[in-house]
């Protein structure tokens, strides 16, 4: 038993020290490869709302009691601002007075009409006098209806002086401040819905050619990257910038705000890069490198590394394509030692 153990120890010592080539023949090797690395373009983009409501002024007047600012969240029905109600209230008061006056005149005209109708039927008055009274009654009736319509309009105008949010969302634009004078159909506030966000960017024709062959793109907002699918590409070039507009929906779980800055990440082309298997990278004396095989010997080379690509890593300098490197080099492997058959 002791003899067998002695023979085994001698065989191991011979293998490692007397015949290092036998030891090295067990080392695994790999070739330095070239792969195609995608080149990304970062195109400036903006987060926008897919659906937005721009609130217009329906009446002229002074803006007062403005309650919101850009970035504020609002609920449907919430009061945003009011337009000076003094003029509107005065118009309602005048319209109500006109209705009262027209009603009184209509009452008198109706009384006279009924009276003259009986007289005409009795043959007391001529048809001409009856028709004149009938015309007076119809005129009074029309004036009353017009006055009632004016009162309804004045009351509607008063309601238009209180501006409420039509949707739940966030204020993305404010076009007026307290004290400003508004005119009919002037934009006041823009509100974006938060559950339908998009990114919008302008791209050139060359970038469009790259996008057409892709099923999806990437969007970077702050330090987060999201996968998106383009759902709108403008069919025509902008004559001034020679660019096209592209839009893509953001995932619903993305926490972003309309107007926020973003990047559209597009793969425009690919370039060749030199890579080695990550198992080939080792450290000697605090220096990262690989053992390159040449004439059955291992030579340690310092390397400068780049990005990772699965089991491979980019080598910026230190090796050349098709060279052979040793995988998982043992600590006992030294520079210029025999390594491989």
C-alpha atoms as a PDB file:
ATOM      1  CA  UNK A   1       0.000   0.000   0.000  1.00  0.00           C
ATOM      2  CA  UNK A   2       2.805   2.384   0.903  1.00  0.00           C
ATOM      3  CA  UNK A   3       4.600   1.538  -2.330  1.00  0.00           C
ATOM      4  CA  UNK A   4       1.528   2.427  -4.409  1.00  0.00           C
ATOM      5  CA  UNK A   5       1.236   5.781  -2.632  1.00  0.00           C
ATOM      6  CA  UNK A   6       4.919   6.513  -3.269  1.00  0.00           C
ATOM      7  CA  UNK A   7       4.489   5.630  -6.987  1.00  0.00           C
ATOM      8  CA  UNK A   8       1.466   7.963  -7.240  1.00  0.00           C
ATOM      9  CA  UNK A   9       3.351  10.879  -5.641  1.00  0.00           C
ATOM     10  CA  UNK A  10       6.292  10.357  -7.957  1.00  0.00           C
ATOM     11  CA  UNK A  11       3.982  10.304 -11.006  1.00  0.00           C
ATOM     12  CA  UNK A  12       2.361  13.564  -9.995  1.00  0.00           C
ATOM     13  CA  UNK A  13       5.709  15.239  -9.370  1.00  0.00           C
ATOM     14  CA  UNK A  14       6.974  14.032 -12.710  1.00  0.00           C
ATOM     15  CA  UNK A  15       3.885  15.290 -14.475  1.00  0.00           C
ATOM     16  CA  UNK A  16       4.035  18.799 -12.985  1.00  0.00           C
ATOM     17  CA  UNK A  17       7.757  19.423 -12.750  1.00  0.00           C
ATOM     18  CA  UNK A  18       9.644  17.013 -14.956  1.00  0.00           C
ATOM     19  CA  UNK A  19       7.263  17.047 -17.934  1.00  0.00           C
ATOM     20  CA  UNK A  20       5.293  20.318 -17.866  1.00  0.00           C
ATOM     21  CA  UNK A  21       4.062  19.667 -21.416  1.00  0.00           C
ATOM     22  CA  UNK A  22       1.924  16.823 -20.126  1.00  0.00           C
ATOM     23  CA  UNK A  23       0.368  19.189 -17.592  1.00  0.00           C
ATOM     24  CA  UNK A  24      -0.217  21.910 -20.133  1.00  0.00           C
ATOM     25  CA  UNK A  25      -1.915  19.576 -22.569  1.00  0.00           C
ATOM     26  CA  UNK A  26      -4.938  19.522 -20.220  1.00  0.00           C
ATOM     27  CA  UNK A  27      -5.441  23.312 -20.489  1.00  0.00           C
ATOM     28  CA  UNK A  28      -8.413  24.510 -22.526  1.00  0.00           C
ATOM     29  CA  UNK A  29      -7.978  27.213 -25.120  1.00  0.00           C
ATOM     30  CA  UNK A  30     -10.184  29.545 -27.141  1.00  0.00           C
ATOM     31  CA  UNK A  31      -9.741  31.815 -30.135  1.00  0.00           C
ATOM     32  CA  UNK A  32      -9.885  35.595 -30.130  1.00  0.00           C
ATOM     33  CA  UNK A  33     -13.029  36.455 -32.078  1.00  0.00           C
ATOM     34  CA  UNK A  34     -14.561  39.382 -33.935  1.00  0.00           C
ATOM     35  CA  UNK A  35     -18.254  40.139 -33.396  1.00  0.00           C
ATOM     36  CA  UNK A  36     -20.520  42.894 -34.672  1.00  0.00           C
ATOM     37  CA  UNK A  37     -21.263  45.473 -31.992  1.00  0.00           C
ATOM     38  CA  UNK A  38     -24.386  47.652 -32.420  1.00  0.00           C
ATOM     39  CA  UNK A  39     -23.793  51.401 -32.504  1.00  0.00           C
ATOM     40  CA  UNK A  40     -26.490  53.407 -30.754  1.00  0.00           C
ATOM     41  CA  UNK A  41     -27.674  56.916 -31.538  1.00  0.00           C
ATOM     42  CA  UNK A  42     -29.214  58.945 -28.714  1.00  0.00           C
ATOM     43  CA  UNK A  43     -31.888  61.173 -30.216  1.00  0.00           C
ATOM     44  CA  UNK A  44     -33.340  63.922 -27.982  1.00  0.00           C
ATOM     45  CA  UNK A  45     -37.027  63.301 -27.262  1.00  0.00           C
ATOM     46  CA  UNK A  46     -39.837  64.635 -25.105  1.00  0.00           C
ATOM     47  CA  UNK A  47     -42.473  62.956 -22.967  1.00  0.00           C
ATOM     48  CA  UNK A  48     -45.932  64.024 -24.089  1.00  0.00           C
ATOM     49  CA  UNK A  49     -49.508  63.064 -23.296  1.00  0.00           C
ATOM     50  CA  UNK A  50     -51.354  61.079 -25.922  1.00  0.00           C
ATOM     51  CA  UNK A  51     -54.544  62.879 -24.952  1.00  0.00           C
ATOM     52  CA  UNK A  52     -54.534  66.490 -23.810  1.00  0.00           C
ATOM     53  CA  UNK A  53     -57.261  69.049 -23.140  1.00  0.00           C
ATOM     54  CA  UNK A  54     -56.654  72.695 -23.981  1.00  0.00           C
ATOM     55  CA  UNK A  55     -59.204  74.846 -22.151  1.00  0.00           C
ATOM     56  CA  UNK A  56     -60.358  77.938 -24.026  1.00  0.00           C
ATOM     57  CA  UNK A  57     -62.053  81.046 -22.700  1.00  0.00           C
ATOM     58  CA  UNK A  58     -65.661  81.365 -23.832  1.00  0.00           C
ATOM     59  CA  UNK A  59     -66.037  84.903 -22.535  1.00  0.00           C
ATOM     60  CA  UNK A  60     -63.812  87.999 -22.358  1.00  0.00           C
ATOM     61  CA  UNK A  61     -62.745  89.394 -19.006  1.00  0.00           C
ATOM     62  CA  UNK A  62     -60.055  89.653 -16.342  1.00  0.00           C
ATOM     63  CA  UNK A  63     -58.449  86.465 -14.998  1.00  0.00           C
ATOM     64  CA  UNK A  64     -58.737  86.120 -11.241  1.00  0.00           C
ATOM     65  CA  UNK A  65     -58.318  83.428  -8.600  1.00  0.00           C
ATOM     66  CA  UNK A  66     -55.895  81.305 -10.667  1.00  0.00           C
ATOM     67  CA  UNK A  67     -55.404  78.214  -8.495  1.00  0.00           C
ATOM     68  CA  UNK A  68     -53.000  75.968 -10.449  1.00  0.00           C
ATOM     69  CA  UNK A  69     -49.483  76.043 -11.842  1.00  0.00           C
ATOM     70  CA  UNK A  70     -47.515  73.923 -14.299  1.00  0.00           C
ATOM     71  CA  UNK A  71     -46.927  70.435 -12.882  1.00  0.00           C
ATOM     72  CA  UNK A  72     -49.962  70.449 -10.574  1.00  0.00           C
ATOM     73  CA  UNK A  73     -52.226  67.417 -10.623  1.00  0.00           C
ATOM     74  CA  UNK A  74     -55.923  68.201 -11.004  1.00  0.00           C
ATOM     75  CA  UNK A  75     -59.151  66.218 -10.812  1.00  0.00           C
ATOM     76  CA  UNK A  76     -62.135  66.350 -13.121  1.00  0.00           C
ATOM     77  CA  UNK A  77     -64.492  69.136 -12.040  1.00  0.00           C
ATOM     78  CA  UNK A  78     -61.861  70.958  -9.983  1.00  0.00           C
ATOM     79  CA  UNK A  79     -61.968  74.769 -10.275  1.00  0.00           C
ATOM     80  CA  UNK A  80     -58.851  76.055 -12.039  1.00  0.00           C
ATOM     81  CA  UNK A  81     -59.565  79.788 -12.261  1.00  0.00           C
ATOM     82  CA  UNK A  82     -62.354  82.316 -12.618  1.00  0.00           C
ATOM     83  CA  UNK A  83     -62.903  85.199 -14.999  1.00  0.00           C
ATOM     84  CA  UNK A  84     -64.164  88.456 -13.508  1.00  0.00           C
ATOM     85  CA  UNK A  85     -67.912  87.914 -12.946  1.00  0.00           C
ATOM     86  CA  UNK A  86     -68.931  91.549 -12.490  1.00  0.00           C
ATOM     87  CA  UNK A  87     -69.695  92.090 -16.174  1.00  0.00           C
ATOM     88  CA  UNK A  88     -71.426  88.713 -16.449  1.00  0.00           C
ATOM     89  CA  UNK A  89     -73.555  89.375 -13.388  1.00  0.00           C
ATOM     90  CA  UNK A  90     -74.511  92.803 -14.740  1.00  0.00           C
ATOM     91  CA  UNK A  91     -75.488  91.202 -18.045  1.00  0.00           C
ATOM     92  CA  UNK A  92     -77.712  88.701 -16.206  1.00  0.00           C
ATOM     93  CA  UNK A  93     -79.354  91.511 -14.280  1.00  0.00           C
ATOM     94  CA  UNK A  94     -79.999  93.514 -17.470  1.00  0.00           C
ATOM     95  CA  UNK A  95     -81.285  90.436 -19.289  1.00  0.00           C
ATOM     96  CA  UNK A  96     -83.662  89.654 -16.416  1.00  0.00           C
ATOM     97  CA  UNK A  97     -84.974  93.232 -16.536  1.00  0.00           C
ATOM     98  CA  UNK A  98     -85.516  92.900 -20.286  1.00  0.00           C
ATOM     99  CA  UNK A  99     -87.485  89.705 -19.724  1.00  0.00           C
ATOM    100  CA  UNK A 100     -89.687  91.397 -17.117  1.00  0.00           C
ATOM    101  CA  UNK A 101     -90.336  94.357 -19.431  1.00  0.00           C
ATOM    102  CA  UNK A 102     -91.050  92.118 -22.452  1.00  0.00           C
ATOM    103  CA  UNK A 103     -93.355  89.959 -20.354  1.00  0.00           C
ATOM    104  CA  UNK A 104     -95.361  93.002 -19.277  1.00  0.00           C
ATOM    105  CA  UNK A 105     -95.637  94.233 -22.846  1.00  0.00           C
ATOM    106  CA  UNK A 106     -96.667  90.783 -24.008  1.00  0.00           C
ATOM    107  CA  UNK A 107     -99.328  90.637 -21.322  1.00  0.00           C
ATOM    108  CA  UNK A 108    -100.818  93.950 -22.482  1.00  0.00           C
ATOM    109  CA  UNK A 109    -100.569  92.953 -26.123  1.00  0.00           C
ATOM    110  CA  UNK A 110    -102.282  89.622 -25.410  1.00  0.00           C
ATOM    111  CA  UNK A 111    -105.102  91.376 -23.540  1.00  0.00           C
ATOM    112  CA  UNK A 112    -105.646  93.835 -26.412  1.00  0.00           C
ATOM    113  CA  UNK A 113    -105.429  91.061 -28.972  1.00  0.00           C
ATOM    114  CA  UNK A 114    -108.180  89.046 -27.311  1.00  0.00           C
ATOM    115  CA  UNK A 115    -110.288  92.193 -26.926  1.00  0.00           C
ATOM    116  CA  UNK A 116    -109.905  93.253 -30.587  1.00  0.00           C
ATOM    117  CA  UNK A 117    -110.553  89.717 -31.764  1.00  0.00           C
ATOM    118  CA  UNK A 118    -113.980  89.713 -30.099  1.00  0.00           C
ATOM    119  CA  UNK A 119    -114.745  93.155 -31.518  1.00  0.00           C
ATOM    120  CA  UNK A 120    -113.734  92.048 -34.976  1.00  0.00           C
ATOM    121  CA  UNK A 121    -115.856  88.907 -34.743  1.00  0.00           C
ATOM    122  CA  UNK A 122    -118.770  91.105 -33.633  1.00  0.00           C
ATOM    123  CA  UNK A 123    -118.239  93.397 -36.611  1.00  0.00           C
ATOM    124  CA  UNK A 124    -117.465  96.426 -34.458  1.00  0.00           C
ATOM    125  CA  UNK A 125    -113.984  97.062 -35.884  1.00  0.00           C
ATOM    126  CA  UNK A 126    -112.488  96.579 -39.297  1.00  0.00           C
ATOM    127  CA  UNK A 127    -110.270  93.721 -40.289  1.00  0.00           C
ATOM    128  CA  UNK A 128    -107.389  96.146 -40.818  1.00  0.00           C
ATOM    129  CA  UNK A 129    -107.467  97.335 -37.173  1.00  0.00           C
ATOM    130  CA  UNK A 130    -107.662  93.707 -35.975  1.00  0.00           C
ATOM    131  CA  UNK A 131    -104.682  92.652 -38.085  1.00  0.00           C
ATOM    132  CA  UNK A 132    -102.667  95.613 -36.798  1.00  0.00           C
ATOM    133  CA  UNK A 133    -103.351  94.515 -33.219  1.00  0.00           C
ATOM    134  CA  UNK A 134    -102.513  90.930 -34.106  1.00  0.00           C
ATOM    135  CA  UNK A 135     -99.165  92.081 -35.521  1.00  0.00           C
ATOM    136  CA  UNK A 136     -98.509  94.047 -32.338  1.00  0.00           C
ATOM    137  CA  UNK A 137     -99.195  90.938 -30.258  1.00  0.00           C
ATOM    138  CA  UNK A 138     -96.920  88.738 -32.394  1.00  0.00           C
ATOM    139  CA  UNK A 139     -94.164  91.361 -32.179  1.00  0.00           C
ATOM    140  CA  UNK A 140     -94.498  91.461 -28.381  1.00  0.00           C
ATOM    141  CA  UNK A 141     -94.422  87.665 -28.238  1.00  0.00           C
ATOM    142  CA  UNK A 142     -91.249  87.549 -30.364  1.00  0.00           C
ATOM    143  CA  UNK A 143     -89.632  90.228 -28.206  1.00  0.00           C
ATOM    144  CA  UNK A 144     -90.419  88.199 -25.091  1.00  0.00           C
ATOM    145  CA  UNK A 145     -88.892  84.998 -26.532  1.00  0.00           C
ATOM    146  CA  UNK A 146     -85.812  86.950 -27.552  1.00  0.00           C
ATOM    147  CA  UNK A 147     -85.504  88.404 -24.048  1.00  0.00           C
ATOM    148  CA  UNK A 148     -85.813  84.934 -22.490  1.00  0.00           C
ATOM    149  CA  UNK A 149     -83.123  83.628 -24.860  1.00  0.00           C
ATOM    150  CA  UNK A 150     -80.887  86.559 -23.879  1.00  0.00           C
ATOM    151  CA  UNK A 151     -81.341  85.734 -20.206  1.00  0.00           C
ATOM    152  CA  UNK A 152     -80.383  82.102 -20.789  1.00  0.00           C
ATOM    153  CA  UNK A 153     -77.283  83.208 -22.669  1.00  0.00           C
ATOM    154  CA  UNK A 154     -76.325  85.641 -19.922  1.00  0.00           C
ATOM    155  CA  UNK A 155     -76.688  82.931 -17.286  1.00  0.00           C
ATOM    156  CA  UNK A 156     -74.582  80.560 -19.421  1.00  0.00           C
ATOM    157  CA  UNK A 157     -71.964  83.255 -19.728  1.00  0.00           C
ATOM    158  CA  UNK A 158     -71.906  83.559 -15.961  1.00  0.00           C
ATOM    159  CA  UNK A 159     -71.279  79.820 -15.698  1.00  0.00           C
ATOM    160  CA  UNK A 160     -68.467  80.119 -18.251  1.00  0.00           C
ATOM    161  CA  UNK A 161     -66.651  82.476 -15.889  1.00  0.00           C
ATOM    162  CA  UNK A 162     -65.845  79.528 -13.588  1.00  0.00           C
ATOM    163  CA  UNK A 163     -63.238  77.362 -15.378  1.00  0.00           C
ATOM    164  CA  UNK A 164     -63.164  73.710 -14.272  1.00  0.00           C
ATOM    165  CA  UNK A 165     -60.957  70.807 -15.303  1.00  0.00           C
ATOM    166  CA  UNK A 166     -62.672  68.494 -17.807  1.00  0.00           C
ATOM    167  CA  UNK A 167     -60.335  65.557 -17.029  1.00  0.00           C
ATOM    168  CA  UNK A 168     -58.034  64.048 -14.417  1.00  0.00           C
ATOM    169  CA  UNK A 169     -54.475  64.942 -15.287  1.00  0.00           C
ATOM    170  CA  UNK A 170     -51.538  67.258 -14.843  1.00  0.00           C
ATOM    171  CA  UNK A 171     -51.188  70.900 -15.869  1.00  0.00           C
ATOM    172  CA  UNK A 172     -48.629  71.010 -18.680  1.00  0.00           C
ATOM    173  CA  UNK A 173     -49.089  74.613 -19.853  1.00  0.00           C
ATOM    174  CA  UNK A 174     -50.471  77.841 -18.433  1.00  0.00           C
ATOM    175  CA  UNK A 175     -51.167  80.660 -20.862  1.00  0.00           C
ATOM    176  CA  UNK A 176     -52.549  83.333 -18.488  1.00  0.00           C
ATOM    177  CA  UNK A 177     -51.902  84.808 -15.049  1.00  0.00           C
ATOM    178  CA  UNK A 178     -54.028  86.683 -12.557  1.00  0.00           C
ATOM    179  CA  UNK A 179     -54.983  90.099 -13.913  1.00  0.00           C
ATOM    180  CA  UNK A 180     -54.620  89.189 -17.588  1.00  0.00           C
ATOM    181  CA  UNK A 181     -57.436  90.100 -19.966  1.00  0.00           C
ATOM    182  CA  UNK A 182     -58.810  87.175 -21.944  1.00  0.00           C
ATOM    183  CA  UNK A 183     -60.641  87.223 -25.240  1.00  0.00           C
ATOM    184  CA  UNK A 184     -63.092  84.784 -26.779  1.00  0.00           C
ATOM    185  CA  UNK A 185     -61.570  81.352 -27.521  1.00  0.00           C
ATOM    186  CA  UNK A 186     -58.187  82.285 -26.028  1.00  0.00           C
ATOM    187  CA  UNK A 187     -56.249  79.263 -24.607  1.00  0.00           C
ATOM    188  CA  UNK A 188     -56.084  79.359 -20.814  1.00  0.00           C
ATOM    189  CA  UNK A 189     -54.655  76.067 -19.546  1.00  0.00           C
ATOM    190  CA  UNK A 190     -53.511  72.754 -21.031  1.00  0.00           C
ATOM    191  CA  UNK A 191     -54.036  69.518 -19.085  1.00  0.00           C
ATOM    192  CA  UNK A 192     -52.462  66.189 -20.005  1.00  0.00           C
ATOM    193  CA  UNK A 193     -53.868  62.865 -18.958  1.00  0.00           C
ATOM    194  CA  UNK A 194     -51.282  60.814 -17.083  1.00  0.00           C
ATOM    195  CA  UNK A 195     -52.354  57.318 -18.130  1.00  0.00           C
ATOM    196  CA  UNK A 196     -51.531  57.797 -21.816  1.00  0.00           C
ATOM    197  CA  UNK A 197     -47.924  58.973 -22.117  1.00  0.00           C
ATOM    198  CA  UNK A 198     -45.798  58.961 -25.250  1.00  0.00           C
ATOM    199  CA  UNK A 199     -42.348  60.023 -26.347  1.00  0.00           C
ATOM    200  CA  UNK A 200     -41.946  62.267 -29.367  1.00  0.00           C
ATOM    201  CA  UNK A 201     -38.750  62.837 -31.339  1.00  0.00           C
ATOM    202  CA  UNK A 202     -37.608  64.194 -34.694  1.00  0.00           C
ATOM    203  CA  UNK A 203     -35.457  61.944 -36.857  1.00  0.00           C
ATOM    204  CA  UNK A 204     -33.754  62.274 -40.227  1.00  0.00           C
ATOM    205  CA  UNK A 205     -34.304  60.000 -43.218  1.00  0.00           C
ATOM    206  CA  UNK A 206     -31.159  57.979 -42.555  1.00  0.00           C
ATOM    207  CA  UNK A 207     -32.287  57.134 -39.033  1.00  0.00           C
ATOM    208  CA  UNK A 208     -35.743  56.265 -40.368  1.00  0.00           C
ATOM    209  CA  UNK A 209     -34.193  53.621 -42.625  1.00  0.00           C
ATOM    210  CA  UNK A 210     -32.647  52.010 -39.537  1.00  0.00           C
ATOM    211  CA  UNK A 211     -35.904  52.140 -37.585  1.00  0.00           C
ATOM    212  CA  UNK A 212     -38.031  50.547 -40.303  1.00  0.00           C
ATOM    213  CA  UNK A 213     -36.224  47.228 -39.920  1.00  0.00           C
ATOM    214  CA  UNK A 214     -36.744  47.143 -36.131  1.00  0.00           C
ATOM    215  CA  UNK A 215     -39.751  45.860 -34.204  1.00  0.00           C
ATOM    216  CA  UNK A 216     -39.002  48.008 -31.171  1.00  0.00           C
ATOM    217  CA  UNK A 217     -36.820  50.832 -29.873  1.00  0.00           C
ATOM    218  CA  UNK A 218     -35.478  51.881 -26.510  1.00  0.00           C
ATOM    219  CA  UNK A 219     -36.262  55.071 -24.614  1.00  0.00           C
ATOM    220  CA  UNK A 220     -34.106  56.464 -21.820  1.00  0.00           C
ATOM    221  CA  UNK A 221     -35.765  58.650 -19.175  1.00  0.00           C
ATOM    222  CA  UNK A 222     -33.438  59.780 -16.394  1.00  0.00           C
ATOM    223  CA  UNK A 223     -31.390  56.630 -15.690  1.00  0.00           C
ATOM    224  CA  UNK A 224     -34.037  54.107 -16.755  1.00  0.00           C
ATOM    225  CA  UNK A 225     -34.384  52.456 -20.166  1.00  0.00           C
ATOM    226  CA  UNK A 226     -37.685  51.142 -21.536  1.00  0.00           C
ATOM    227  CA  UNK A 227     -38.566  49.107 -24.592  1.00  0.00           C
ATOM    228  CA  UNK A 228     -41.154  50.807 -26.814  1.00  0.00           C
ATOM    229  CA  UNK A 229     -42.772  50.212 -30.180  1.00  0.00           C
ATOM    230  CA  UNK A 230     -43.208  53.099 -32.642  1.00  0.00           C
ATOM    231  CA  UNK A 231     -46.888  53.725 -33.380  1.00  0.00           C
ATOM    232  CA  UNK A 232     -46.640  56.890 -35.468  1.00  0.00           C
ATOM    233  CA  UNK A 233     -44.125  58.090 -38.032  1.00  0.00           C
ATOM    234  CA  UNK A 234     -44.903  61.264 -39.920  1.00  0.00           C
ATOM    235  CA  UNK A 235     -45.413  60.525 -43.626  1.00  0.00           C
ATOM    236  CA  UNK A 236     -43.845  63.817 -44.740  1.00  0.00           C
ATOM    237  CA  UNK A 237     -40.619  65.685 -44.015  1.00  0.00           C
ATOM    238  CA  UNK A 238     -40.661  69.004 -42.241  1.00  0.00           C
ATOM    239  CA  UNK A 239     -39.630  71.483 -44.928  1.00  0.00           C
ATOM    240  CA  UNK A 240     -37.572  73.578 -42.495  1.00  0.00           C
ATOM    241  CA  UNK A 241     -35.706  70.891 -40.501  1.00  0.00           C
ATOM    242  CA  UNK A 242     -35.829  68.021 -43.031  1.00  0.00           C
ATOM    243  CA  UNK A 243     -36.889  65.673 -40.242  1.00  0.00           C
ATOM    244  CA  UNK A 244     -39.846  63.408 -39.505  1.00  0.00           C
ATOM    245  CA  UNK A 245     -41.816  63.134 -36.287  1.00  0.00           C
ATOM    246  CA  UNK A 246     -41.917  59.768 -34.540  1.00  0.00           C
ATOM    247  CA  UNK A 247     -44.036  58.801 -31.530  1.00  0.00           C
ATOM    248  CA  UNK A 248     -44.130  55.725 -29.303  1.00  0.00           C
ATOM    249  CA  UNK A 249     -46.342  54.774 -26.344  1.00  0.00           C
ATOM    250  CA  UNK A 250     -44.636  54.403 -22.977  1.00  0.00           C
ATOM    251  CA  UNK A 251     -45.443  51.447 -20.698  1.00  0.00           C
ATOM    252  CA  UNK A 252     -48.135  52.280 -18.145  1.00  0.00           C
ATOM    253  CA  UNK A 253     -45.783  51.657 -15.204  1.00  0.00           C
ATOM    254  CA  UNK A 254     -43.352  54.380 -16.336  1.00  0.00           C
ATOM    255  CA  UNK A 255     -43.208  57.259 -13.855  1.00  0.00           C
ATOM    256  CA  UNK A 256     -42.718  60.294 -16.073  1.00  0.00           C
ATOM    257  CA  UNK A 257     -44.326  63.661 -16.660  1.00  0.00           C
ATOM    258  CA  UNK A 258     -45.325  65.425 -19.869  1.00  0.00           C
ATOM    259  CA  UNK A 259     -42.565  67.792 -20.918  1.00  0.00           C
ATOM    260  CA  UNK A 260     -39.837  65.655 -19.332  1.00  0.00           C
ATOM    261  CA  UNK A 261     -36.625  65.201 -21.334  1.00  0.00           C
ATOM    262  CA  UNK A 262     -35.855  61.771 -22.792  1.00  0.00           C
ATOM    263  CA  UNK A 263     -33.680  59.993 -25.359  1.00  0.00           C
ATOM    264  CA  UNK A 264     -34.789  57.718 -28.160  1.00  0.00           C
ATOM    265  CA  UNK A 265     -32.108  55.037 -28.530  1.00  0.00           C
ATOM    266  CA  UNK A 266     -31.738  53.766 -32.101  1.00  0.00           C
ATOM    267  CA  UNK A 267     -29.339  51.176 -33.523  1.00  0.00           C
ATOM    268  CA  UNK A 268     -28.022  52.863 -36.634  1.00  0.00           C
ATOM    269  CA  UNK A 269     -25.240  50.448 -37.627  1.00  0.00           C
ATOM    270  CA  UNK A 270     -22.849  47.755 -36.365  1.00  0.00           C
ATOM    271  CA  UNK A 271     -19.092  47.814 -36.063  1.00  0.00           C
ATOM    272  CA  UNK A 272     -16.608  44.950 -35.538  1.00  0.00           C
ATOM    273  CA  UNK A 273     -15.069  44.505 -32.066  1.00  0.00           C
ATOM    274  CA  UNK A 274     -12.455  42.058 -30.771  1.00  0.00           C
ATOM    275  CA  UNK A 275     -13.642  39.807 -27.934  1.00  0.00           C
ATOM    276  CA  UNK A 276     -12.293  36.973 -25.815  1.00  0.00           C
ATOM    277  CA  UNK A 277     -13.999  34.454 -23.594  1.00  0.00           C
ATOM    278  CA  UNK A 278     -14.331  35.926 -20.092  1.00  0.00           C
ATOM    279  CA  UNK A 279     -12.711  32.767 -18.699  1.00  0.00           C
ATOM    280  CA  UNK A 280      -9.460  33.784 -20.382  1.00  0.00           C
ATOM    281  CA  UNK A 281      -9.104  36.986 -18.339  1.00  0.00           C
ATOM    282  CA  UNK A 282      -6.862  36.648 -15.297  1.00  0.00           C
ATOM    283  CA  UNK A 283      -4.791  38.858 -13.002  1.00  0.00           C
ATOM    284  CA  UNK A 284      -1.066  38.793 -12.450  1.00  0.00           C
ATOM    285  CA  UNK A 285       0.534  41.286 -10.108  1.00  0.00           C
ATOM    286  CA  UNK A 286      -2.643  43.361 -10.044  1.00  0.00           C
ATOM    287  CA  UNK A 287      -2.654  43.639 -13.853  1.00  0.00           C
ATOM    288  CA  UNK A 288      -5.487  42.195 -15.934  1.00  0.00           C
ATOM    289  CA  UNK A 289      -4.463  40.177 -18.932  1.00  0.00           C
ATOM    290  CA  UNK A 290      -4.670  36.921 -20.845  1.00  0.00           C
ATOM    291  CA  UNK A 291      -2.230  34.145 -21.673  1.00  0.00           C
ATOM    292  CA  UNK A 292      -1.709  33.976 -25.439  1.00  0.00           C
ATOM    293  CA  UNK A 293      -0.399  30.736 -26.937  1.00  0.00           C
ATOM    294  CA  UNK A 294       2.502  30.949 -29.414  1.00  0.00           C
ATOM    295  CA  UNK A 295       4.809  28.077 -30.392  1.00  0.00           C
ATOM    296  CA  UNK A 296       3.438  25.917 -27.559  1.00  0.00           C
ATOM    297  CA  UNK A 297       4.323  28.591 -25.016  1.00  0.00           C
ATOM    298  CA  UNK A 298       2.102  30.869 -22.929  1.00  0.00           C
ATOM    299  CA  UNK A 299       2.782  34.582 -22.985  1.00  0.00           C
ATOM    300  CA  UNK A 300       1.041  36.894 -20.564  1.00  0.00           C
ATOM    301  CA  UNK A 301      -0.344  40.048 -22.170  1.00  0.00           C
ATOM    302  CA  UNK A 302      -1.898  43.010 -20.453  1.00  0.00           C
ATOM    303  CA  UNK A 303      -5.303  43.880 -21.949  1.00  0.00           C
ATOM    304  CA  UNK A 304      -7.684  46.829 -21.808  1.00  0.00           C
ATOM    305  CA  UNK A 305     -11.257  45.634 -21.558  1.00  0.00           C
ATOM    306  CA  UNK A 306     -14.527  47.127 -22.772  1.00  0.00           C
ATOM    307  CA  UNK A 307     -18.169  46.038 -22.735  1.00  0.00           C
ATOM    308  CA  UNK A 308     -19.506  42.558 -22.006  1.00  0.00           C
ATOM    309  CA  UNK A 309     -21.423  40.479 -24.556  1.00  0.00           C
ATOM    310  CA  UNK A 310     -22.707  37.387 -22.800  1.00  0.00           C
ATOM    311  CA  UNK A 311     -19.784  35.035 -22.169  1.00  0.00           C
ATOM    312  CA  UNK A 312     -17.457  37.305 -24.140  1.00  0.00           C
ATOM    313  CA  UNK A 313     -15.847  40.617 -23.267  1.00  0.00           C
ATOM    314  CA  UNK A 314     -14.503  43.304 -25.568  1.00  0.00           C
ATOM    315  CA  UNK A 315     -10.715  43.756 -25.705  1.00  0.00           C
ATOM    316  CA  UNK A 316      -9.727  47.281 -26.677  1.00  0.00           C
ATOM    317  CA  UNK A 317      -6.011  46.492 -26.837  1.00  0.00           C
ATOM    318  CA  UNK A 318      -3.624  43.592 -26.155  1.00  0.00           C
ATOM    319  CA  UNK A 319      -4.726  40.811 -28.509  1.00  0.00           C
ATOM    320  CA  UNK A 320      -5.446  40.275 -32.207  1.00  0.00           C
ATOM    321  CA  UNK A 321      -8.128  38.282 -34.005  1.00  0.00           C
ATOM    322  CA  UNK A 322      -7.629  34.513 -34.361  1.00  0.00           C
ATOM    323  CA  UNK A 323      -4.971  34.358 -31.642  1.00  0.00           C
ATOM    324  CA  UNK A 324      -5.336  31.521 -29.124  1.00  0.00           C
ATOM    325  CA  UNK A 325      -5.813  32.242 -25.414  1.00  0.00           C
ATOM    326  CA  UNK A 326      -5.894  29.924 -22.418  1.00  0.00           C
ATOM    327  CA  UNK A 327      -9.123  29.514 -20.475  1.00  0.00           C
ATOM    328  CA  UNK A 328      -9.013  29.480 -16.670  1.00  0.00           C
ATOM    329  CA  UNK A 329      -5.205  29.728 -16.508  1.00  0.00           C
ATOM    330  CA  UNK A 330      -3.950  28.187 -13.229  1.00  0.00           C
ATOM    331  CA  UNK A 331      -1.867  30.263 -10.826  1.00  0.00           C
ATOM    332  CA  UNK A 332       1.082  27.973 -11.516  1.00  0.00           C
ATOM    333  CA  UNK A 333       1.128  29.036 -15.173  1.00  0.00           C
ATOM    334  CA  UNK A 334       3.999  31.448 -15.766  1.00  0.00           C
ATOM    335  CA  UNK A 335       5.039  33.641 -18.660  1.00  0.00           C
ATOM    336  CA  UNK A 336       6.926  31.801 -21.431  1.00  0.00           C
ATOM    337  CA  UNK A 337       6.144  28.387 -19.959  1.00  0.00           C
ATOM    338  CA  UNK A 338       5.201  25.415 -22.128  1.00  0.00           C
ATOM    339  CA  UNK A 339       1.497  25.088 -22.168  1.00  0.00           C
ATOM    340  CA  UNK A 340       0.011  23.319 -25.154  1.00  0.00           C
ATOM    341  CA  UNK A 341       0.754  20.649 -27.686  1.00  0.00           C
END
